[in-house]
mmCIF file of all heavy atoms, coordinates in Angstrom:
data_MODEL
# 
_entry.id   MODEL 
# 
loop_
_atom_site.group_PDB 
_atom_site.id 
_atom_site.type_symbol 
_atom_site.label_atom_id 
_atom_site.label_alt_id 
_atom_site.label_comp_id 
_atom_site.label_asym_id 
_atom_site.label_entity_id 
_atom_site.label_seq_id 
_atom_site.pdbx_PDB_ins_code 
_atom_site.Cartn_x 
_atom_site.Cartn_y 
_atom_site.Cartn_z 
_atom_site.occupancy 
_atom_site.B_iso_or_equiv 
_atom_site.pdbx_formal_charge 
_atom_site.auth_seq_id 
_atom_site.auth_comp_id 
_atom_site.auth_asym_id 
_atom_site.auth_atom_id 
_atom_site.pdbx_PDB_model_num 
ATOM 1   N N   . TYR A 1 1  ? 107.611 88.224 107.872 1.00 0.00 ? 1  TYR A N   1 
ATOM 2   C CA  . TYR A 1 1  ? 108.557 87.115 107.777 1.00 0.00 ? 1  TYR A CA  1 
ATOM 3   C C   . TYR A 1 1  ? 108.523 86.472 106.390 1.00 0.00 ? 1  TYR A C   1 
ATOM 4   O O   . TYR A 1 1  ? 108.835 85.300 106.231 1.00 0.00 ? 1  TYR A O   1 
ATOM 5   C CB  . TYR A 1 1  ? 108.286 86.085 108.871 1.00 0.00 ? 1  TYR A CB  1 
ATOM 6   C CG  . TYR A 1 1  ? 108.665 86.619 110.235 1.00 0.00 ? 1  TYR A CG  1 
ATOM 7   C CD1 . TYR A 1 1  ? 107.734 87.297 111.014 1.00 0.00 ? 1  TYR A CD1 1 
ATOM 8   C CD2 . TYR A 1 1  ? 109.970 86.508 110.706 1.00 0.00 ? 1  TYR A CD2 1 
ATOM 9   C CE1 . TYR A 1 1  ? 108.082 87.830 112.243 1.00 0.00 ? 1  TYR A CE1 1 
ATOM 10  C CE2 . TYR A 1 1  ? 110.329 87.039 111.932 1.00 0.00 ? 1  TYR A CE2 1 
ATOM 11  C CZ  . TYR A 1 1  ? 109.391 87.695 112.699 1.00 0.00 ? 1  TYR A CZ  1 
ATOM 12  O OH  . TYR A 1 1  ? 109.752 88.220 113.910 1.00 0.00 ? 1  TYR A OH  1 
ATOM 13  N N   . LEU A 1 2  ? 108.160 87.291 105.409 1.00 0.00 ? 2  LEU A N   1 
ATOM 14  C CA  . LEU A 1 2  ? 108.159 86.800 104.034 1.00 0.00 ? 2  LEU A CA  1 
ATOM 15  C C   . LEU A 1 2  ? 109.541 86.310 103.622 1.00 0.00 ? 2  LEU A C   1 
ATOM 16  O O   . LEU A 1 2  ? 109.671 85.326 102.887 1.00 0.00 ? 2  LEU A O   1 
ATOM 17  C CB  . LEU A 1 2  ? 107.680 87.903 103.091 1.00 0.00 ? 2  LEU A CB  1 
ATOM 18  C CG  . LEU A 1 2  ? 107.638 87.574 101.603 1.00 0.00 ? 2  LEU A CG  1 
ATOM 19  C CD1 . LEU A 1 2  ? 106.653 86.447 101.314 1.00 0.00 ? 2  LEU A CD1 1 
ATOM 20  C CD2 . LEU A 1 2  ? 107.270 88.818 100.790 1.00 0.00 ? 2  LEU A CD2 1 
ATOM 21  N N   . LYS A 1 3  ? 110.579 86.972 104.100 1.00 0.00 ? 3  LYS A N   1 
ATOM 22  C CA  . LYS A 1 3  ? 111.946 86.571 103.727 1.00 0.00 ? 3  LYS A CA  1 
ATOM 23  C C   . LYS A 1 3  ? 112.231 85.131 104.154 1.00 0.00 ? 3  LYS A C   1 
ATOM 24  O O   . LYS A 1 3  ? 112.902 84.379 103.429 1.00 0.00 ? 3  LYS A O   1 
ATOM 25  C CB  . LYS A 1 3  ? 112.972 87.511 104.354 1.00 0.00 ? 3  LYS A CB  1 
ATOM 26  C CG  . LYS A 1 3  ? 113.015 87.511 105.867 1.00 0.00 ? 3  LYS A CG  1 
ATOM 27  C CD  . LYS A 1 3  ? 114.030 88.500 106.399 1.00 0.00 ? 3  LYS A CD  1 
ATOM 28  C CE  . LYS A 1 3  ? 114.170 88.443 107.913 1.00 0.00 ? 3  LYS A CE  1 
ATOM 29  N NZ  . LYS A 1 3  ? 112.897 88.672 108.618 1.00 0.00 ? 3  LYS A NZ  1 
ATOM 30  N N   . ASP A 1 4  ? 111.738 84.725 105.326 1.00 0.00 ? 4  ASP A N   1 
ATOM 31  C CA  . ASP A 1 4  ? 111.959 83.360 105.794 1.00 0.00 ? 4  ASP A CA  1 
ATOM 32  C C   . ASP A 1 4  ? 111.224 82.360 104.916 1.00 0.00 ? 4  ASP A C   1 
ATOM 33  O O   . ASP A 1 4  ? 111.743 81.273 104.621 1.00 0.00 ? 4  ASP A O   1 
ATOM 34  C CB  . ASP A 1 4  ? 111.498 83.220 107.246 1.00 0.00 ? 4  ASP A CB  1 
ATOM 35  C CG  . ASP A 1 4  ? 112.401 83.966 108.210 1.00 0.00 ? 4  ASP A CG  1 
ATOM 36  O OD1 . ASP A 1 4  ? 113.540 84.275 107.832 1.00 0.00 ? 4  ASP A OD1 1 
ATOM 37  O OD2 . ASP A 1 4  ? 111.963 84.240 109.336 1.00 0.00 ? 4  ASP A OD2 1 
ATOM 38  N N   . LEU A 1 5  ? 110.022 82.715 104.491 1.00 0.00 ? 5  LEU A N   1 
ATOM 39  C CA  . LEU A 1 5  ? 109.283 81.841 103.579 1.00 0.00 ? 5  LEU A CA  1 
ATOM 40  C C   . LEU A 1 5  ? 110.023 81.693 102.262 1.00 0.00 ? 5  LEU A C   1 
ATOM 41  O O   . LEU A 1 5  ? 110.140 80.585 101.716 1.00 0.00 ? 5  LEU A O   1 
ATOM 42  C CB  . LEU A 1 5  ? 107.878 82.400 103.350 1.00 0.00 ? 5  LEU A CB  1 
ATOM 43  C CG  . LEU A 1 5  ? 107.009 81.664 102.323 1.00 0.00 ? 5  LEU A CG  1 
ATOM 44  C CD1 . LEU A 1 5  ? 106.841 80.196 102.696 1.00 0.00 ? 5  LEU A CD1 1 
ATOM 45  C CD2 . LEU A 1 5  ? 105.650 82.350 102.193 1.00 0.00 ? 5  LEU A CD2 1 
ATOM 46  N N   . LEU A 1 6  ? 110.562 82.783 101.725 1.00 0.00 ? 6  LEU A N   1 
ATOM 47  C CA  . LEU A 1 6  ? 111.296 82.715 100.460 1.00 0.00 ? 6  LEU A CA  1 
ATOM 48  C C   . LEU A 1 6  ? 112.565 81.869 100.594 1.00 0.00 ? 6  LEU A C   1 
ATOM 49  O O   . LEU A 1 6  ? 112.922 81.111 99.675  1.00 0.00 ? 6  LEU A O   1 
ATOM 50  C CB  . LEU A 1 6  ? 111.639 84.127 99.987  1.00 0.00 ? 6  LEU A CB  1 
ATOM 51  C CG  . LEU A 1 6  ? 110.443 85.020 99.632  1.00 0.00 ? 6  LEU A CG  1 
ATOM 52  C CD1 . LEU A 1 6  ? 110.906 86.442 99.337  1.00 0.00 ? 6  LEU A CD1 1 
ATOM 53  C CD2 . LEU A 1 6  ? 109.672 84.455 98.450  1.00 0.00 ? 6  LEU A CD2 1 
ATOM 54  N N   . ILE A 1 7  ? 113.255 81.978 101.723 1.00 0.00 ? 7  ILE A N   1 
ATOM 55  C CA  . ILE A 1 7  ? 114.440 81.139 101.966 1.00 0.00 ? 7  ILE A CA  1 
ATOM 56  C C   . ILE A 1 7  ? 114.039 79.669 101.991 1.00 0.00 ? 7  ILE A C   1 
ATOM 57  O O   . ILE A 1 7  ? 114.706 78.808 101.394 1.00 0.00 ? 7  ILE A O   1 
ATOM 58  C CB  . ILE A 1 7  ? 115.118 81.547 103.290 1.00 0.00 ? 7  ILE A CB  1 
ATOM 59  C CG1 . ILE A 1 7  ? 115.765 82.923 103.148 1.00 0.00 ? 7  ILE A CG1 1 
ATOM 60  C CG2 . ILE A 1 7  ? 116.164 80.511 103.715 1.00 0.00 ? 7  ILE A CG2 1 
ATOM 61  C CD1 . ILE A 1 7  ? 116.229 83.517 104.469 1.00 0.00 ? 7  ILE A CD1 1 
ATOM 62  N N   . ALA A 1 8  ? 112.935 79.357 102.666 1.00 0.00 ? 8  ALA A N   1 
ATOM 63  C CA  . ALA A 1 8  ? 112.473 77.974 102.757 1.00 0.00 ? 8  ALA A CA  1 
ATOM 64  C C   . ALA A 1 8  ? 112.056 77.433 101.387 1.00 0.00 ? 8  ALA A C   1 
ATOM 65  O O   . ALA A 1 8  ? 112.294 76.265 101.065 1.00 0.00 ? 8  ALA A O   1 
ATOM 66  C CB  . ALA A 1 8  ? 111.319 77.873 103.741 1.00 0.00 ? 8  ALA A CB  1 
ATOM 67  N N   . ILE A 1 9  ? 111.428 78.277 100.576 1.00 0.00 ? 9  ILE A N   1 
ATOM 68  C CA  . ILE A 1 9  ? 111.032 77.861 99.223  1.00 0.00 ? 9  ILE A CA  1 
ATOM 69  C C   . ILE A 1 9  ? 112.261 77.456 98.411  1.00 0.00 ? 9  ILE A C   1 
ATOM 70  O O   . ILE A 1 9  ? 112.267 76.423 97.732  1.00 0.00 ? 9  ILE A O   1 
ATOM 71  C CB  . ILE A 1 9  ? 110.260 79.001 98.537  1.00 0.00 ? 9  ILE A CB  1 
ATOM 72  C CG1 . ILE A 1 9  ? 108.865 79.134 99.149  1.00 0.00 ? 9  ILE A CG1 1 
ATOM 73  C CG2 . ILE A 1 9  ? 110.159 78.772 97.026  1.00 0.00 ? 9  ILE A CG2 1 
ATOM 74  C CD1 . ILE A 1 9  ? 108.125 80.394 98.737  1.00 0.00 ? 9  ILE A CD1 1 
ATOM 75  N N   . ASP A 1 10 ? 113.314 78.253 98.486  1.00 0.00 ? 10 ASP A N   1 
ATOM 76  C CA  . ASP A 1 10 ? 114.549 77.911 97.779  1.00 0.00 ? 10 ASP A CA  1 
ATOM 77  C C   . ASP A 1 10 ? 115.160 76.627 98.328  1.00 0.00 ? 10 ASP A C   1 
ATOM 78  O O   . ASP A 1 10 ? 115.639 75.772 97.569  1.00 0.00 ? 10 ASP A O   1 
ATOM 79  C CB  . ASP A 1 10 ? 115.555 79.054 97.892  1.00 0.00 ? 10 ASP A CB  1 
ATOM 80  C CG  . ASP A 1 10 ? 115.212 80.241 97.008  1.00 0.00 ? 10 ASP A CG  1 
ATOM 81  O OD1 . ASP A 1 10 ? 114.372 80.075 96.098  1.00 0.00 ? 10 ASP A OD1 1 
ATOM 82  O OD2 . ASP A 1 10 ? 115.765 81.335 97.228  1.00 0.00 ? 10 ASP A OD2 1 
ATOM 83  N N   . ALA A 1 11 ? 115.155 76.460 99.650  1.00 0.00 ? 11 ALA A N   1 
ATOM 84  C CA  . ALA A 1 11 ? 115.741 75.273 100.267 1.00 0.00 ? 11 ALA A CA  1 
ATOM 85  C C   . ALA A 1 11 ? 115.002 74.004 99.851  1.00 0.00 ? 11 ALA A C   1 
ATOM 86  O O   . ALA A 1 11 ? 115.613 72.929 99.718  1.00 0.00 ? 11 ALA A O   1 
ATOM 87  C CB  . ALA A 1 11 ? 115.730 75.413 101.789 1.00 0.00 ? 11 ALA A CB  1 
ATOM 88  N N   . CYS A 1 12 ? 113.695 74.120 99.630  1.00 0.00 ? 12 CYS A N   1 
ATOM 89  C CA  . CYS A 1 12 ? 112.893 72.968 99.208  1.00 0.00 ? 12 CYS A CA  1 
ATOM 90  C C   . CYS A 1 12 ? 112.908 72.763 97.695  1.00 0.00 ? 12 CYS A C   1 
ATOM 91  O O   . CYS A 1 12 ? 112.245 71.854 97.186  1.00 0.00 ? 12 CYS A O   1 
ATOM 92  C CB  . CYS A 1 12 ? 111.455 73.137 99.693  1.00 0.00 ? 12 CYS A CB  1 
ATOM 93  S SG  . CYS A 1 12 ? 111.271 73.031 101.490 1.00 0.00 ? 12 CYS A SG  1 
ATOM 94  N N   . LYS A 1 13 ? 113.651 73.619 97.000  1.00 0.00 ? 13 LYS A N   1 
ATOM 95  C CA  . LYS A 1 13 ? 113.810 73.533 95.541  1.00 0.00 ? 13 LYS A CA  1 
ATOM 96  C C   . LYS A 1 13 ? 112.469 73.651 94.811  1.00 0.00 ? 13 LYS A C   1 
ATOM 97  O O   . LYS A 1 13 ? 112.230 72.996 93.788  1.00 0.00 ? 13 LYS A O   1 
ATOM 98  C CB  . LYS A 1 13 ? 114.544 72.245 95.138  1.00 0.00 ? 13 LYS A CB  1 
ATOM 99  C CG  . LYS A 1 13 ? 115.922 72.132 95.761  1.00 0.00 ? 13 LYS A CG  1 
ATOM 100 C CD  . LYS A 1 13 ? 116.670 70.927 95.223  1.00 0.00 ? 13 LYS A CD  1 
ATOM 101 C CE  . LYS A 1 13 ? 118.013 70.741 95.924  1.00 0.00 ? 13 LYS A CE  1 
ATOM 102 N NZ  . LYS A 1 13 ? 118.856 71.940 95.910  1.00 0.00 ? 13 LYS A NZ  1 
ATOM 103 N N   . LEU A 1 14 ? 111.603 74.491 95.340  1.00 0.00 ? 14 LEU A N   1 
ATOM 104 C CA  . LEU A 1 14 ? 110.340 74.780 94.676  1.00 0.00 ? 14 LEU A CA  1 
ATOM 105 C C   . LEU A 1 14 ? 110.523 75.936 93.693  1.00 0.00 ? 14 LEU A C   1 
ATOM 106 O O   . LEU A 1 14 ? 111.351 76.823 93.914  1.00 0.00 ? 14 LEU A O   1 
ATOM 107 C CB  . LEU A 1 14 ? 109.270 75.145 95.699  1.00 0.00 ? 14 LEU A CB  1 
ATOM 108 C CG  . LEU A 1 14 ? 108.788 74.000 96.590  1.00 0.00 ? 14 LEU A CG  1 
ATOM 109 C CD1 . LEU A 1 14 ? 108.026 74.551 97.798  1.00 0.00 ? 14 LEU A CD1 1 
ATOM 110 C CD2 . LEU A 1 14 ? 107.911 73.030 95.818  1.00 0.00 ? 14 LEU A CD2 1 
ATOM 111 N N   . THR A 1 15 ? 109.753 75.925 92.633  1.00 0.00 ? 15 THR A N   1 
ATOM 112 C CA  . THR A 1 15 ? 109.772 76.996 91.638  1.00 0.00 ? 15 THR A CA  1 
ATOM 113 C C   . THR A 1 15 ? 108.648 77.980 91.929  1.00 0.00 ? 15 THR A C   1 
ATOM 114 O O   . THR A 1 15 ? 107.501 77.571 92.137  1.00 0.00 ? 15 THR A O   1 
ATOM 115 C CB  . THR A 1 15 ? 109.589 76.427 90.222  1.00 0.00 ? 15 THR A CB  1 
ATOM 116 O OG1 . THR A 1 15 ? 110.690 75.572 89.913  1.00 0.00 ? 15 THR A OG1 1 
ATOM 117 C CG2 . THR A 1 15 ? 109.509 77.545 89.187  1.00 0.00 ? 15 THR A CG2 1 
ATOM 118 N N   . THR A 1 16 ? 108.967 79.266 91.962  1.00 0.00 ? 16 THR A N   1 
ATOM 119 C CA  . THR A 1 16 ? 107.942 80.296 92.128  1.00 0.00 ? 16 THR A CA  1 
ATOM 120 C C   . THR A 1 16 ? 107.367 80.630 90.757  1.00 0.00 ? 16 THR A C   1 
ATOM 121 O O   . THR A 1 16 ? 108.068 81.162 89.890  1.00 0.00 ? 16 THR A O   1 
ATOM 122 C CB  . THR A 1 16 ? 108.519 81.557 92.785  1.00 0.00 ? 16 THR A CB  1 
ATOM 123 O OG1 . THR A 1 16 ? 109.058 81.221 94.072  1.00 0.00 ? 16 THR A OG1 1 
ATOM 124 C CG2 . THR A 1 16 ? 107.436 82.613 92.962  1.00 0.00 ? 16 THR A CG2 1 
ATOM 125 N N   . VAL A 1 17 ? 106.098 80.320 90.559  1.00 0.00 ? 17 VAL A N   1 
ATOM 126 C CA  . VAL A 1 17 ? 105.414 80.586 89.293  1.00 0.00 ? 17 VAL A CA  1 
ATOM 127 C C   . VAL A 1 17 ? 104.943 82.038 89.246  1.00 0.00 ? 17 VAL A C   1 
ATOM 128 O O   . VAL A 1 17 ? 105.134 82.735 88.256  1.00 0.00 ? 17 VAL A O   1 
ATOM 129 C CB  . VAL A 1 17 ? 104.226 79.625 89.101  1.00 0.00 ? 17 VAL A CB  1 
ATOM 130 C CG1 . VAL A 1 17 ? 103.552 79.866 87.748  1.00 0.00 ? 17 VAL A CG1 1 
ATOM 131 C CG2 . VAL A 1 17 ? 104.666 78.171 89.226  1.00 0.00 ? 17 VAL A CG2 1 
ATOM 132 N N   . ASN A 1 18 ? 104.310 82.483 90.328  1.00 0.00 ? 18 ASN A N   1 
ATOM 133 C CA  . ASN A 1 18 ? 103.854 83.872 90.461  1.00 0.00 ? 18 ASN A CA  1 
ATOM 134 C C   . ASN A 1 18 ? 103.961 84.303 91.916  1.00 0.00 ? 18 ASN A C   1 
ATOM 135 O O   . ASN A 1 18 ? 103.832 83.485 92.827  1.00 0.00 ? 18 ASN A O   1 
ATOM 136 C CB  . ASN A 1 18 ? 102.395 84.044 90.047  1.00 0.00 ? 18 ASN A CB  1 
ATOM 137 C CG  . ASN A 1 18 ? 102.179 84.039 88.550  1.00 0.00 ? 18 ASN A CG  1 
ATOM 138 O OD1 . ASN A 1 18 ? 101.573 83.107 88.025  1.00 0.00 ? 18 ASN A OD1 1 
ATOM 139 N ND2 . ASN A 1 18 ? 102.634 85.067 87.864  1.00 0.00 ? 18 ASN A ND2 1 
ATOM 140 N N   . HIS A 1 19 ? 104.183 85.584 92.096  1.00 0.00 ? 19 HIS A N   1 
ATOM 141 C CA  . HIS A 1 19 ? 104.063 86.211 93.413  1.00 0.00 ? 19 HIS A CA  1 
ATOM 142 C C   . HIS A 1 19 ? 102.817 87.092 93.330  1.00 0.00 ? 19 HIS A C   1 
ATOM 143 O O   . HIS A 1 19 ? 102.848 88.195 92.794  1.00 0.00 ? 19 HIS A O   1 
ATOM 144 C CB  . HIS A 1 19 ? 105.304 87.028 93.738  1.00 0.00 ? 19 HIS A CB  1 
ATOM 145 C CG  . HIS A 1 19 ? 105.353 87.521 95.132  1.00 0.00 ? 19 HIS A CG  1 
ATOM 146 N ND1 . HIS A 1 19 ? 106.528 87.672 95.837  1.00 0.00 ? 19 HIS A ND1 1 
ATOM 147 C CD2 . HIS A 1 19 ? 104.372 87.902 95.993  1.00 0.00 ? 19 HIS A CD2 1 
ATOM 148 C CE1 . HIS A 1 19 ? 106.272 88.121 97.051  1.00 0.00 ? 19 HIS A CE1 1 
ATOM 149 N NE2 . HIS A 1 19 ? 104.970 88.287 97.159  1.00 0.00 ? 19 HIS A NE2 1 
ATOM 150 N N   . ILE A 1 20 ? 101.718 86.573 93.860  1.00 0.00 ? 20 ILE A N   1 
ATOM 151 C CA  . ILE A 1 20 ? 100.413 87.222 93.763  1.00 0.00 ? 20 ILE A CA  1 
ATOM 152 C C   . ILE A 1 20 ? 100.210 88.139 94.967  1.00 0.00 ? 20 ILE A C   1 
ATOM 153 O O   . ILE A 1 20 ? 100.626 87.823 96.078  1.00 0.00 ? 20 ILE A O   1 
ATOM 154 C CB  . ILE A 1 20 ? 99.296  86.153 93.705  1.00 0.00 ? 20 ILE A CB  1 
ATOM 155 C CG1 . ILE A 1 20 ? 99.464  85.279 92.444  1.00 0.00 ? 20 ILE A CG1 1 
ATOM 156 C CG2 . ILE A 1 20 ? 97.916  86.791 93.730  1.00 0.00 ? 20 ILE A CG2 1 
ATOM 157 C CD1 . ILE A 1 20 ? 98.688  83.975 92.507  1.00 0.00 ? 20 ILE A CD1 1 
ATOM 158 N N   . ILE A 1 21 ? 99.567  89.270 94.725  1.00 0.00 ? 21 ILE A N   1 
ATOM 159 C CA  . ILE A 1 21 ? 99.158  90.164 95.797  1.00 0.00 ? 21 ILE A CA  1 
ATOM 160 C C   . ILE A 1 21 ? 97.637  90.088 95.927  1.00 0.00 ? 21 ILE A C   1 
ATOM 161 O O   . ILE A 1 21 ? 96.912  90.330 94.952  1.00 0.00 ? 21 ILE A O   1 
ATOM 162 C CB  . ILE A 1 21 ? 99.578  91.622 95.521  1.00 0.00 ? 21 ILE A CB  1 
ATOM 163 C CG1 . ILE A 1 21 ? 101.109 91.732 95.445  1.00 0.00 ? 21 ILE A CG1 1 
ATOM 164 C CG2 . ILE A 1 21 ? 99.024  92.550 96.593  1.00 0.00 ? 21 ILE A CG2 1 
ATOM 165 C CD1 . ILE A 1 21 ? 101.834 91.386 96.723  1.00 0.00 ? 21 ILE A CD1 1 
ATOM 166 N N   . TRP A 1 22 ? 97.163  89.713 97.116  1.00 0.00 ? 22 TRP A N   1 
ATOM 167 C CA  . TRP A 1 22 ? 95.730  89.757 97.391  1.00 0.00 ? 22 TRP A CA  1 
ATOM 168 C C   . TRP A 1 22 ? 95.425  91.069 98.085  1.00 0.00 ? 22 TRP A C   1 
ATOM 169 O O   . TRP A 1 22 ? 95.801  91.296 99.216  1.00 0.00 ? 22 TRP A O   1 
ATOM 170 C CB  . TRP A 1 22 ? 95.299  88.566 98.255  1.00 0.00 ? 22 TRP A CB  1 
ATOM 171 C CG  . TRP A 1 22 ? 93.913  88.738 98.825  1.00 0.00 ? 22 TRP A CG  1 
ATOM 172 C CD1 . TRP A 1 22 ? 92.859  89.400 98.259  1.00 0.00 ? 22 TRP A CD1 1 
ATOM 173 C CD2 . TRP A 1 22 ? 93.442  88.260 100.095 1.00 0.00 ? 22 TRP A CD2 1 
ATOM 174 N NE1 . TRP A 1 22 ? 91.763  89.362 99.089  1.00 0.00 ? 22 TRP A NE1 1 
ATOM 175 C CE2 . TRP A 1 22 ? 92.086  88.675 100.220 1.00 0.00 ? 22 TRP A CE2 1 
ATOM 176 C CE3 . TRP A 1 22 ? 94.033  87.533 101.118 1.00 0.00 ? 22 TRP A CE3 1 
ATOM 177 C CZ2 . TRP A 1 22 ? 91.329  88.369 101.346 1.00 0.00 ? 22 TRP A CZ2 1 
ATOM 178 C CZ3 . TRP A 1 22 ? 93.267  87.226 102.233 1.00 0.00 ? 22 TRP A CZ3 1 
ATOM 179 C CH2 . TRP A 1 22 ? 91.938  87.640 102.343 1.00 0.00 ? 22 TRP A CH2 1 
ATOM 180 N N   . LYS A 1 23 ? 94.751  91.965 97.397  1.00 0.00 ? 23 LYS A N   1 
ATOM 181 C CA  . LYS A 1 23 ? 94.355  93.272 97.917  1.00 0.00 ? 23 LYS A CA  1 
ATOM 182 C C   . LYS A 1 23 ? 92.935  93.172 98.449  1.00 0.00 ? 23 LYS A C   1 
ATOM 183 O O   . LYS A 1 23 ? 92.005  92.891 97.697  1.00 0.00 ? 23 LYS A O   1 
ATOM 184 C CB  . LYS A 1 23 ? 94.432  94.327 96.808  1.00 0.00 ? 23 LYS A CB  1 
ATOM 185 C CG  . LYS A 1 23 ? 93.816  95.678 97.151  1.00 0.00 ? 23 LYS A CG  1 
ATOM 186 C CD  . LYS A 1 23 ? 94.631  96.435 98.186  1.00 0.00 ? 23 LYS A CD  1 
ATOM 187 C CE  . LYS A 1 23 ? 94.051  97.827 98.405  1.00 0.00 ? 23 LYS A CE  1 
ATOM 188 N NZ  . LYS A 1 23 ? 92.741  97.800 99.118  1.00 0.00 ? 23 LYS A NZ  1 
ATOM 189 N N   . TYR A 1 24 ? 92.781  93.353 99.769  1.00 0.00 ? 24 TYR A N   1 
ATOM 190 C CA  . TYR A 1 24 ? 91.444  93.318 100.348 1.00 0.00 ? 24 TYR A CA  1 
ATOM 191 C C   . TYR A 1 24 ? 90.969  94.736 100.661 1.00 0.00 ? 24 TYR A C   1 
ATOM 192 O O   . TYR A 1 24 ? 91.675  95.709 100.395 1.00 0.00 ? 24 TYR A O   1 
ATOM 193 C CB  . TYR A 1 24 ? 91.399  92.413 101.584 1.00 0.00 ? 24 TYR A CB  1 
ATOM 194 C CG  . TYR A 1 24 ? 92.511  92.602 102.582 1.00 0.00 ? 24 TYR A CG  1 
ATOM 195 C CD1 . TYR A 1 24 ? 92.452  93.597 103.547 1.00 0.00 ? 24 TYR A CD1 1 
ATOM 196 C CD2 . TYR A 1 24 ? 93.624  91.756 102.569 1.00 0.00 ? 24 TYR A CD2 1 
ATOM 197 C CE1 . TYR A 1 24 ? 93.459  93.755 104.471 1.00 0.00 ? 24 TYR A CE1 1 
ATOM 198 C CE2 . TYR A 1 24 ? 94.643  91.906 103.495 1.00 0.00 ? 24 TYR A CE2 1 
ATOM 199 C CZ  . TYR A 1 24 ? 94.557  92.912 104.446 1.00 0.00 ? 24 TYR A CZ  1 
ATOM 200 O OH  . TYR A 1 24 ? 95.564  93.066 105.359 1.00 0.00 ? 24 TYR A OH  1 
ATOM 201 N N   . GLN A 1 25 ? 89.763  94.855 101.220 1.00 0.00 ? 25 GLN A N   1 
ATOM 202 C CA  . GLN A 1 25 ? 89.121  96.171 101.235 1.00 0.00 ? 25 GLN A CA  1 
ATOM 203 C C   . GLN A 1 25 ? 89.457  97.024 102.443 1.00 0.00 ? 25 GLN A C   1 
ATOM 204 O O   . GLN A 1 25 ? 89.140  98.209 102.464 1.00 0.00 ? 25 GLN A O   1 
ATOM 205 C CB  . GLN A 1 25 ? 87.591  96.017 101.113 1.00 0.00 ? 25 GLN A CB  1 
ATOM 206 C CG  . GLN A 1 25 ? 86.864  95.555 102.384 1.00 0.00 ? 25 GLN A CG  1 
ATOM 207 C CD  . GLN A 1 25 ? 86.780  94.055 102.493 1.00 0.00 ? 25 GLN A CD  1 
ATOM 208 O OE1 . GLN A 1 25 ? 87.678  93.336 102.075 1.00 0.00 ? 25 GLN A OE1 1 
ATOM 209 N NE2 . GLN A 1 25 ? 85.694  93.564 103.056 1.00 0.00 ? 25 GLN A NE2 1 
ATOM 210 N N   . PHE A 1 26 ? 90.101  96.482 103.473 1.00 0.00 ? 26 PHE A N   1 
ATOM 211 C CA  . PHE A 1 26 ? 90.443  97.328 104.608 1.00 0.00 ? 26 PHE A CA  1 
ATOM 212 C C   . PHE A 1 26 ? 91.544  96.671 105.428 1.00 0.00 ? 26 PHE A C   1 
ATOM 213 O O   . PHE A 1 26 ? 91.740  95.468 105.417 1.00 0.00 ? 26 PHE A O   1 
ATOM 214 C CB  . PHE A 1 26 ? 89.219  97.573 105.510 1.00 0.00 ? 26 PHE A CB  1 
ATOM 215 C CG  . PHE A 1 26 ? 88.594  96.305 106.033 1.00 0.00 ? 26 PHE A CG  1 
ATOM 216 C CD1 . PHE A 1 26 ? 89.130  95.645 107.131 1.00 0.00 ? 26 PHE A CD1 1 
ATOM 217 C CD2 . PHE A 1 26 ? 87.475  95.773 105.425 1.00 0.00 ? 26 PHE A CD2 1 
ATOM 218 C CE1 . PHE A 1 26 ? 88.555  94.477 107.613 1.00 0.00 ? 26 PHE A CE1 1 
ATOM 219 C CE2 . PHE A 1 26 ? 86.902  94.600 105.892 1.00 0.00 ? 26 PHE A CE2 1 
ATOM 220 C CZ  . PHE A 1 26 ? 87.443  93.951 106.994 1.00 0.00 ? 26 PHE A CZ  1 
# 
């Protein structure tokens, strides 16, 4: 549901500084 989070971020007029990927071990 990442798309819903991105829609909400735009609706709240927040600026995306980075889209970070957290890679874990399994």
